Amino acid sequence: MVSFQLMPARDTKSSAAELQDNIHRQFSPADRLRMAIEMSEFARSLSKAGLRSRQPELTESELNEEMLIQLYGFRAARK
């Protein structure tokens, strides 16, 4: 089993952080992967919403291209 150490949050009481750590240690690898995917999808949705609010004139296709630029630093190949 792989062991990992969580970075302590600066704004969380140590007792709350310890409780959270104990809960996270009980997660299966599949649960951890699912949580990571969900957090990634949430972060992307926030990023996309921010782009949409700053550039409301973009079409959905243009918005997706701007997301690719933000995520990967290059323009998608055009067909």
Protein backbone atom coordinates (compact mmCIF):
# COMPACT_ATOMS: atom_id res chain seq x y z
CA MET A 1 0.00 0.00 0.00
CA VAL A 2 1.26 3.43 -0.93
CA SER A 3 1.53 5.88 1.93
CA PHE A 4 1.10 9.58 1.46
CA GLN A 5 1.13 12.61 3.68
CA LEU A 6 -1.40 15.36 3.25
CA MET A 7 -0.23 18.93 3.38
CA PRO A 8 -1.81 20.63 6.40
CA ALA A 9 -4.22 23.44 5.59
CA ARG A 10 -3.23 26.71 7.21
CA ASP A 11 -6.81 27.77 7.93
CA THR A 12 -7.96 24.50 9.52
CA LYS A 13 -7.78 23.63 13.20
CA SER A 14 -5.45 20.71 13.84
CA SER A 15 -8.26 18.61 15.34
CA ALA A 16 -10.40 19.10 12.22
CA ALA A 17 -7.44 18.35 9.94
CA GLU A 18 -6.71 15.16 11.88
CA LEU A 19 -10.33 14.03 11.54
CA GLN A 20 -10.27 14.77 7.82
CA ASP A 21 -6.98 12.87 7.40
CA ASN A 22 -8.42 9.85 9.21
CA ILE A 23 -11.45 9.84 6.91
CA HIS A 24 -9.28 10.15 3.79
CA ARG A 25 -7.07 7.26 4.89
CA GLN A 26 -10.14 5.00 4.89
CA PHE A 27 -10.87 5.68 1.20
CA SER A 28 -10.12 2.97 -1.29
CA PRO A 29 -7.87 3.72 -4.27
CA ALA A 30 -11.01 3.80 -6.44
CA ASP A 31 -12.59 6.38 -4.09
CA ARG A 32 -9.45 8.52 -4.26
CA LEU A 33 -9.40 8.35 -8.05
CA ARG A 34 -13.11 9.24 -8.24
CA MET A 35 -12.56 12.24 -5.96
CA ALA A 36 -9.58 13.40 -8.02
CA ILE A 37 -11.61 13.20 -11.23
CA GLU A 38 -14.53 15.06 -9.65
CA MET A 39 -12.24 17.82 -8.36
CA SER A 40 -10.61 18.13 -11.77
CA GLU A 41 -13.99 18.38 -13.51
CA PHE A 42 -15.13 20.99 -10.98
CA ALA A 43 -11.99 23.08 -11.48
CA ARG A 44 -12.47 22.95 -15.25
CA SER A 45 -16.11 24.00 -14.93
CA LEU A 46 -15.08 26.98 -12.79
CA SER A 47 -12.42 27.92 -15.30
CA LYS A 48 -14.88 27.65 -18.19
CA ALA A 49 -17.46 29.74 -16.33
CA GLY A 50 -14.82 32.40 -15.71
CA LEU A 51 -13.91 32.47 -19.39
CA ARG A 52 -17.58 32.66 -20.33
CA SER A 53 -18.16 35.62 -18.00
CA ARG A 54 -15.10 37.48 -19.32
CA GLN A 55 -15.79 36.71 -22.97
CA PRO A 56 -19.56 36.18 -23.39
CA GLU A 57 -19.31 36.65 -27.17
CA LEU A 58 -17.44 33.34 -27.66
CA THR A 59 -19.26 30.45 -29.23
CA GLU A 60 -19.14 27.09 -27.46
CA SER A 61 -16.49 25.92 -29.92
CA GLU A 62 -14.35 29.04 -29.32
CA LEU A 63 -14.81 28.65 -25.57
CA ASN A 64 -13.57 25.06 -25.75
CA GLU A 65 -10.56 26.18 -27.78
CA GLU A 66 -9.72 28.84 -25.19
CA MET A 67 -9.95 26.15 -22.50
CA LEU A 68 -7.42 24.04 -24.45
CA ILE A 69 -5.10 27.04 -24.58
CA GLN A 70 -5.42 27.56 -20.83
CA LEU A 71 -4.93 23.89 -20.03
CA TYR A 72 -2.23 22.96 -22.51
CA GLY A 73 -0.78 26.22 -23.79
CA PHE A 74 -1.44 25.78 -27.50
CA ARG A 75 -4.17 26.21 -30.05
CA ALA A 76 -6.00 23.08 -31.15
CA ALA A 77 -5.38 21.95 -34.70
CA ARG A 78 -8.07 23.35 -36.97
CA LYS A 79 -9.77 21.07 -39.47
